[in-house]
């Protein structure tokens, strides 16, 4: 598990995505999912920020999902715009941020990661 700490994990299959979600749930960790698309400008802008957050908050799991690649997962979370960031705790969605809003994303990660193990 340690090898995945501090990095963004790109999920390319639904099975991979579900495996990561289950691992996080079992560990009681916050999951932050970046729903992105290769053609989306703001997604490219926020990607390095997301990587920095993953390095900083090693007690959370950061996943990246390409909406074109995993349409099923995007539909499941009702993603309508990119980038969208979904915050999951204990298998439940606790927050959503739509757009490349750096400060807001940071604030939500801080807020939820702090209480993840509590």
Protein backbone atom coordinates (compact mmCIF):
# COMPACT_ATOMS: atom_id res chain seq x y z
CA UNK A 1 0.00 0.00 0.00
CA UNK A 2 2.85 2.37 0.84
CA UNK A 3 3.92 2.56 -2.80
CA UNK A 4 0.63 4.27 -3.66
CA UNK A 5 0.90 6.90 -0.96
CA UNK A 6 1.61 10.38 -2.18
CA UNK A 7 0.63 9.78 -5.77
CA UNK A 8 -2.40 10.07 -8.00
CA UNK A 9 -3.67 6.67 -9.12
CA UNK A 10 -5.13 6.65 -12.61
CA UNK A 11 -7.95 4.14 -12.96
CA UNK A 12 -8.33 2.67 -16.45
CA UNK A 13 -10.98 0.04 -15.76
CA UNK A 14 -14.11 -0.09 -13.64
CA UNK A 15 -12.61 -3.05 -11.74
CA UNK A 16 -9.47 -1.05 -10.95
CA UNK A 17 -11.60 1.86 -9.76
CA UNK A 18 -13.77 -0.36 -7.54
CA UNK A 19 -10.69 -2.08 -6.12
CA UNK A 20 -9.22 1.30 -5.07
CA UNK A 21 -12.56 2.41 -3.62
CA UNK A 22 -12.85 -0.78 -1.56
CA UNK A 23 -9.27 -0.49 -0.31
CA UNK A 24 -9.92 3.09 0.79
CA UNK A 25 -13.17 2.13 2.52
CA UNK A 26 -11.46 -0.72 4.38
CA UNK A 27 -8.66 1.62 5.45
CA UNK A 28 -11.11 4.37 6.45
CA UNK A 29 -9.38 6.81 4.15
CA UNK A 30 -10.76 9.81 2.32
CA UNK A 31 -10.92 9.34 -1.45
CA UNK A 32 -10.67 12.31 -3.78
CA UNK A 33 -11.62 11.49 -7.37
CA UNK A 34 -10.60 13.79 -10.19
CA UNK A 35 -13.00 13.28 -13.10
CA UNK A 36 -11.04 14.57 -16.05
CA UNK A 37 -10.82 14.48 -19.85
CA UNK A 38 -7.79 14.65 -22.14
CA UNK A 39 -9.40 17.46 -24.21
CA UNK A 40 -10.26 19.61 -21.18
CA UNK A 41 -8.02 22.68 -20.67
CA UNK A 42 -8.90 23.36 -17.02
CA UNK A 43 -8.26 19.66 -16.29
CA UNK A 44 -4.70 20.01 -17.56
CA UNK A 45 -4.30 23.18 -15.50
CA UNK A 46 -5.39 21.52 -12.25
CA UNK A 47 -3.60 18.15 -12.76
CA UNK A 48 -0.24 19.25 -11.25
CA UNK A 49 -2.11 20.78 -8.29
CA UNK A 50 -3.88 17.46 -7.72
CA UNK A 51 -0.50 15.68 -7.75
CA UNK A 52 0.84 18.14 -5.15
CA UNK A 53 -2.19 17.47 -2.93
CA UNK A 54 -1.58 13.72 -3.20
CA UNK A 55 2.02 14.24 -2.04
CA UNK A 56 0.93 16.43 0.85
CA UNK A 57 -2.05 14.39 2.09
CA UNK A 58 -0.71 10.84 2.19
CA UNK A 59 -3.57 9.79 4.49
CA UNK A 60 -6.02 10.22 1.59
CA UNK A 61 -6.32 8.37 -1.72
CA UNK A 62 -6.30 10.40 -4.91
CA UNK A 63 -7.82 8.81 -7.99
CA UNK A 64 -8.01 10.10 -11.53
CA UNK A 65 -10.80 8.96 -13.83
CA UNK A 66 -10.96 9.88 -17.52
CA UNK A 67 -14.66 10.37 -18.28
CA UNK A 68 -14.23 9.16 -21.86
CA UNK A 69 -12.44 6.02 -20.71
CA UNK A 70 -14.74 5.16 -17.79
CA UNK A 71 -18.12 6.50 -18.93
CA UNK A 72 -19.89 4.09 -16.59
CA UNK A 73 -18.12 5.45 -13.50
CA UNK A 74 -18.68 9.06 -14.62
CA UNK A 75 -22.40 8.30 -15.10
CA UNK A 76 -22.57 6.65 -11.68
CA UNK A 77 -21.36 9.88 -10.08
CA UNK A 78 -23.51 12.03 -12.41
CA UNK A 79 -20.51 13.92 -13.78
CA UNK A 80 -21.64 16.70 -16.12
CA UNK A 81 -18.61 18.98 -16.28
CA UNK A 82 -14.87 18.58 -16.11
CA UNK A 83 -12.96 18.74 -13.98
CA UNK A 84 -15.20 17.48 -11.19
CA UNK A 85 -13.81 16.44 -7.85
CA UNK A 86 -15.78 14.00 -5.74
CA UNK A 87 -14.91 13.41 -2.09
CA UNK A 88 -15.81 9.98 -0.68
CA UNK A 89 -15.63 8.90 2.92
CA UNK A 90 -16.64 5.43 4.14
CA UNK A 91 -18.19 4.75 0.75
CA UNK A 92 -20.38 7.88 0.87
CA UNK A 93 -20.07 11.04 -1.18
CA UNK A 94 -19.40 13.92 1.23
CA UNK A 95 -18.56 16.72 -1.20
CA UNK A 96 -18.36 17.76 -4.83
CA UNK A 97 -16.41 20.56 -6.49
CA UNK A 98 -16.96 21.35 -10.15
CA UNK A 99 -14.20 23.31 -11.87
CA UNK A 100 -10.48 23.86 -11.43
CA UNK A 101 -10.88 25.71 -8.13
CA UNK A 102 -7.52 25.19 -6.48
CA UNK A 103 -8.18 26.87 -3.10
CA UNK A 104 -11.58 25.23 -2.69
CA UNK A 105 -10.18 21.78 -3.48
CA UNK A 106 -7.35 22.28 -0.99
CA UNK A 107 -9.79 23.44 1.72
CA UNK A 108 -12.06 20.43 1.20
CA UNK A 109 -9.15 17.97 1.26
CA UNK A 110 -7.90 19.55 4.50
CA UNK A 111 -11.39 19.47 6.00
CA UNK A 112 -12.17 15.85 5.12
CA UNK A 113 -8.70 14.30 5.42
CA UNK A 114 -8.41 15.64 8.96
CA UNK A 115 -11.50 13.70 10.04
CA UNK A 116 -10.99 10.64 7.83
CA UNK A 117 -9.62 8.34 10.51
CA UNK A 118 -11.76 9.76 13.31
